[in-house]
Amino acid sequence: MYYFYVLRNLSNPDEFYTGSSRDLKRRLAQHNHGEQAATRGRQWEVIYYEAYKVERAVRDRERTIKRNGRMRTYLMGRIKSQFTE
């Protein structure tokens, strides 16, 4: 399986990171151990993910979310609504 995921910064709940990986647990550990420059120095938690059978599909999804502001805004709005009272 391949995963598209959204991480949330534990010390700044308004900061998010999106990415994709074949091994979600390993990838989260890499983010939290400072092995990724974009997320170094912060602790993260997975707050959303989608599973895909084909790598191309997950790469297309990640590219779409990162390039299309309207789709990203919609997705982040859905995710953020889980954390508001």
N, C-alpha and C. Protein backbone atom coordinates (compact mmCIF):
# COMPACT_ATOMS: atom_id res chain seq x y z
N MET A 1 0.84 -1.18 0.00
CA MET A 1 0.00 0.00 0.00
C MET A 1 0.89 1.25 0.00
N TYR A 2 0.32 2.31 -0.52
CA TYR A 2 0.96 3.62 -0.54
C TYR A 2 0.03 4.59 0.18
N TYR A 3 0.61 5.56 0.86
CA TYR A 3 -0.19 6.45 1.68
C TYR A 3 0.07 7.91 1.37
N PHE A 4 -1.01 8.67 1.24
CA PHE A 4 -0.97 10.13 1.26
C PHE A 4 -1.33 10.50 2.68
N TYR A 5 -0.57 11.42 3.29
CA TYR A 5 -0.81 11.72 4.70
C TYR A 5 -0.72 13.21 4.99
N VAL A 6 -1.33 13.58 6.10
CA VAL A 6 -1.24 14.94 6.62
C VAL A 6 -0.75 14.83 8.06
N LEU A 7 0.30 15.57 8.36
CA LEU A 7 0.85 15.62 9.72
C LEU A 7 0.50 16.95 10.36
N ARG A 8 0.37 16.94 11.68
CA ARG A 8 0.15 18.18 12.42
C ARG A 8 1.27 18.33 13.44
N ASN A 9 1.79 19.54 13.53
CA ASN A 9 2.85 19.87 14.47
C ASN A 9 2.26 19.85 15.88
N LEU A 10 2.87 19.09 16.79
CA LEU A 10 2.34 18.97 18.14
C LEU A 10 2.48 20.25 18.96
N SER A 11 3.50 21.06 18.69
CA SER A 11 3.68 22.29 19.47
C SER A 11 2.99 23.49 18.82
N ASN A 12 2.62 23.39 17.56
CA ASN A 12 1.90 24.45 16.86
C ASN A 12 0.78 23.80 16.04
N PRO A 13 -0.40 23.62 16.64
CA PRO A 13 -1.48 22.88 15.99
C PRO A 13 -1.98 23.48 14.68
N ASP A 14 -1.54 24.69 14.34
CA ASP A 14 -1.95 25.30 13.07
C ASP A 14 -0.96 25.03 11.95
N GLU A 15 0.09 24.26 12.22
CA GLU A 15 1.09 23.93 11.20
C GLU A 15 0.89 22.49 10.74
N PHE A 16 0.81 22.31 9.43
CA PHE A 16 0.57 21.00 8.84
C PHE A 16 1.61 20.70 7.77
N TYR A 17 1.78 19.43 7.49
CA TYR A 17 2.69 18.98 6.45
C TYR A 17 2.00 17.85 5.69
N THR A 18 2.06 17.86 4.38
CA THR A 18 1.49 16.77 3.58
C THR A 18 2.59 16.03 2.84
N GLY A 19 2.39 14.74 2.66
CA GLY A 19 3.38 13.94 1.94
C GLY A 19 2.81 12.60 1.56
N SER A 20 3.68 11.73 1.05
CA SER A 20 3.27 10.37 0.69
C SER A 20 4.42 9.41 0.98
N SER A 21 4.05 8.17 1.21
CA SER A 21 5.05 7.17 1.55
C SER A 21 4.47 5.77 1.38
N ARG A 22 5.35 4.82 1.24
CA ARG A 22 4.92 3.42 1.20
C ARG A 22 4.81 2.86 2.61
N ASP A 23 5.60 3.38 3.54
CA ASP A 23 5.60 2.91 4.93
C ASP A 23 5.34 4.11 5.84
N LEU A 24 4.11 4.29 6.23
CA LEU A 24 3.70 5.48 6.97
C LEU A 24 4.35 5.56 8.35
N LYS A 25 4.46 4.45 9.05
CA LYS A 25 5.08 4.46 10.38
C LYS A 25 6.55 4.87 10.30
N ARG A 26 7.26 4.30 9.35
CA ARG A 26 8.68 4.63 9.17
C ARG A 26 8.84 6.11 8.80
N ARG A 27 7.98 6.58 7.92
CA ARG A 27 8.06 7.98 7.47
C ARG A 27 7.80 8.95 8.62
N LEU A 28 6.81 8.65 9.47
CA LEU A 28 6.54 9.50 10.63
C LEU A 28 7.76 9.52 11.56
N ALA A 29 8.38 8.38 11.77
CA ALA A 29 9.58 8.32 12.60
C ALA A 29 10.69 9.18 12.00
N GLN A 30 10.85 9.16 10.69
CA GLN A 30 11.86 10.00 10.04
C GLN A 30 11.58 11.48 10.28
N HIS A 31 10.34 11.88 10.16
CA HIS A 31 9.97 13.28 10.43
C HIS A 31 10.29 13.65 11.87
N ASN A 32 9.94 12.78 12.81
CA ASN A 32 10.12 13.09 14.23
C ASN A 32 11.56 12.98 14.71
N HIS A 33 12.41 12.29 13.96
CA HIS A 33 13.82 12.19 14.34
C HIS A 33 14.71 13.17 13.58
N GLY A 34 14.10 14.11 12.88
CA GLY A 34 14.87 15.15 12.20
C GLY A 34 15.55 14.73 10.93
N GLU A 35 15.11 13.65 10.32
CA GLU A 35 15.73 13.15 9.10
C GLU A 35 15.21 13.85 7.84
N GLN A 36 14.21 14.69 7.98
CA GLN A 36 13.64 15.42 6.85
C GLN A 36 13.79 16.92 7.10
N ALA A 37 14.45 17.61 6.19
CA ALA A 37 14.76 19.02 6.38
C ALA A 37 13.51 19.88 6.59
N ALA A 38 12.45 19.60 5.86
CA ALA A 38 11.25 20.44 5.93
C ALA A 38 10.54 20.35 7.27
N THR A 39 10.75 19.28 8.01
CA THR A 39 10.03 19.09 9.27
C THR A 39 10.97 18.98 10.48
N ARG A 40 12.23 19.22 10.27
CA ARG A 40 13.25 19.07 11.32
C ARG A 40 12.96 19.98 12.52
N GLY A 41 13.21 19.47 13.71
CA GLY A 41 13.12 20.26 14.94
C GLY A 41 11.72 20.34 15.53
N ARG A 42 10.79 19.60 14.96
CA ARG A 42 9.42 19.62 15.48
C ARG A 42 8.91 18.18 15.60
N GLN A 43 7.93 17.99 16.45
CA GLN A 43 7.30 16.69 16.62
C GLN A 43 5.96 16.70 15.90
N TRP A 44 5.64 15.60 15.24
CA TRP A 44 4.46 15.51 14.38
C TRP A 44 3.60 14.33 14.75
N GLU A 45 2.32 14.44 14.40
CA GLU A 45 1.39 13.32 14.53
C GLU A 45 0.61 13.20 13.22
N VAL A 46 0.26 11.97 12.87
CA VAL A 46 -0.56 11.75 11.68
C VAL A 46 -2.00 12.05 12.06
N ILE A 47 -2.63 12.95 11.31
CA ILE A 47 -4.02 13.27 11.61
C ILE A 47 -4.96 12.84 10.48
N TYR A 48 -4.39 12.46 9.34
CA TYR A 48 -5.21 12.06 8.20
C TYR A 48 -4.35 11.26 7.24
N TYR A 49 -4.92 10.23 6.65
CA TYR A 49 -4.23 9.52 5.58
C TYR A 49 -5.22 8.85 4.66
N GLU A 50 -4.77 8.61 3.45
CA GLU A 50 -5.53 7.87 2.43
C GLU A 50 -4.61 6.77 1.92
N ALA A 51 -5.16 5.58 1.70
CA ALA A 51 -4.38 4.44 1.23
C ALA A 51 -4.68 4.18 -0.25
N TYR A 52 -3.62 3.86 -0.99
CA TYR A 52 -3.71 3.58 -2.42
C TYR A 52 -2.94 2.30 -2.73
N LYS A 53 -3.40 1.55 -3.71
CA LYS A 53 -2.70 0.34 -4.12
C LYS A 53 -1.59 0.62 -5.12
N VAL A 54 -1.73 1.71 -5.85
CA VAL A 54 -0.79 2.02 -6.94
C VAL A 54 -0.01 3.29 -6.59
N GLU A 55 1.31 3.22 -6.74
CA GLU A 55 2.16 4.36 -6.40
C GLU A 55 1.80 5.61 -7.21
N ARG A 56 1.53 5.44 -8.47
CA ARG A 56 1.20 6.61 -9.32
C ARG A 56 -0.03 7.36 -8.78
N ALA A 57 -1.01 6.62 -8.29
CA ALA A 57 -2.22 7.25 -7.76
C ALA A 57 -1.92 8.11 -6.55
N VAL A 58 -1.08 7.63 -5.65
CA VAL A 58 -0.75 8.42 -4.46
C VAL A 58 0.10 9.62 -4.83
N ARG A 59 0.99 9.47 -5.78
CA ARG A 59 1.81 10.60 -6.23
C ARG A 59 0.95 11.67 -6.90
N ASP A 60 -0.02 11.23 -7.69
CA ASP A 60 -0.95 12.18 -8.32
C ASP A 60 -1.77 12.92 -7.27
N ARG A 61 -2.22 12.21 -6.25
CA ARG A 61 -3.01 12.84 -5.18
C ARG A 61 -2.17 13.88 -4.44
N GLU A 62 -0.95 13.52 -4.09
CA GLU A 62 -0.07 14.45 -3.38
C GLU A 62 0.19 15.69 -4.25
N ARG A 63 0.49 15.49 -5.50
CA ARG A 63 0.76 16.60 -6.41
C ARG A 63 -0.47 17.51 -6.52
N THR A 64 -1.64 16.91 -6.65
CA THR A 64 -2.87 17.69 -6.77
C THR A 64 -3.10 18.55 -5.53
N ILE A 65 -2.96 17.96 -4.36
CA ILE A 65 -3.19 18.71 -3.11
C ILE A 65 -2.17 19.82 -2.96
N LYS A 66 -0.92 19.57 -3.28
CA LYS A 66 0.12 20.58 -3.10
C LYS A 66 0.02 21.70 -4.13
N ARG A 67 -0.47 21.42 -5.32
CA ARG A 67 -0.53 22.43 -6.38
C ARG A 67 -1.87 23.16 -6.48
N ASN A 68 -2.94 22.53 -6.04
CA ASN A 68 -4.27 23.10 -6.20
C ASN A 68 -4.75 23.69 -4.87
N GLY A 69 -4.66 24.99 -4.74
CA GLY A 69 -5.01 25.67 -3.50
C GLY A 69 -6.44 25.42 -3.06
N ARG A 70 -7.34 25.35 -4.00
CA ARG A 70 -8.75 25.14 -3.66
C ARG A 70 -8.97 23.76 -3.04
N MET A 71 -8.35 22.75 -3.62
CA MET A 71 -8.49 21.39 -3.07
C MET A 71 -7.80 21.28 -1.72
N ARG A 72 -6.64 21.92 -1.59
CA ARG A 72 -5.93 21.89 -0.30
C ARG A 72 -6.76 22.58 0.78
N THR A 73 -7.34 23.71 0.45
CA THR A 73 -8.16 24.45 1.41
C THR A 73 -9.35 23.60 1.85
N TYR A 74 -9.99 22.93 0.90
CA TYR A 74 -11.13 22.08 1.22
C TYR A 74 -10.71 20.94 2.15
N LEU A 75 -9.64 20.24 1.80
CA LEU A 75 -9.17 19.12 2.61
C LEU A 75 -8.77 19.58 4.00
N MET A 76 -8.01 20.66 4.08
CA MET A 76 -7.57 21.14 5.39
C MET A 76 -8.75 21.63 6.23
N GLY A 77 -9.75 22.20 5.60
CA GLY A 77 -10.95 22.61 6.32
C GLY A 77 -11.66 21.41 6.94
N ARG A 78 -11.76 20.33 6.18
CA ARG A 78 -12.37 19.10 6.71
C ARG A 78 -11.57 18.56 7.88
N ILE A 79 -10.26 18.56 7.74
CA ILE A 79 -9.40 18.02 8.80
C ILE A 79 -9.45 18.90 10.04
N LYS A 80 -9.33 20.21 9.86
CA LYS A 80 -9.32 21.13 11.00
C LYS A 80 -10.64 21.09 11.76
N SER A 81 -11.74 20.82 11.08
CA SER A 81 -13.04 20.79 11.75
C SER A 81 -13.11 19.67 12.79
N GLN A 82 -12.25 18.66 12.68
CA GLN A 82 -12.20 17.58 13.67
C GLN A 82 -11.66 18.08 15.01
N PHE A 83 -10.89 19.15 14.99
CA PHE A 83 -10.21 19.61 16.18
C PHE A 83 -10.85 20.84 16.83
N THR A 84 -11.95 21.32 16.28
CA THR A 84 -12.63 22.46 16.87
C THR A 84 -13.85 22.00 17.61
N GLU A 85 -14.18 22.72 18.65
CA GLU A 85 -15.34 22.33 19.46
C GLU A 85 -16.59 23.01 18.98
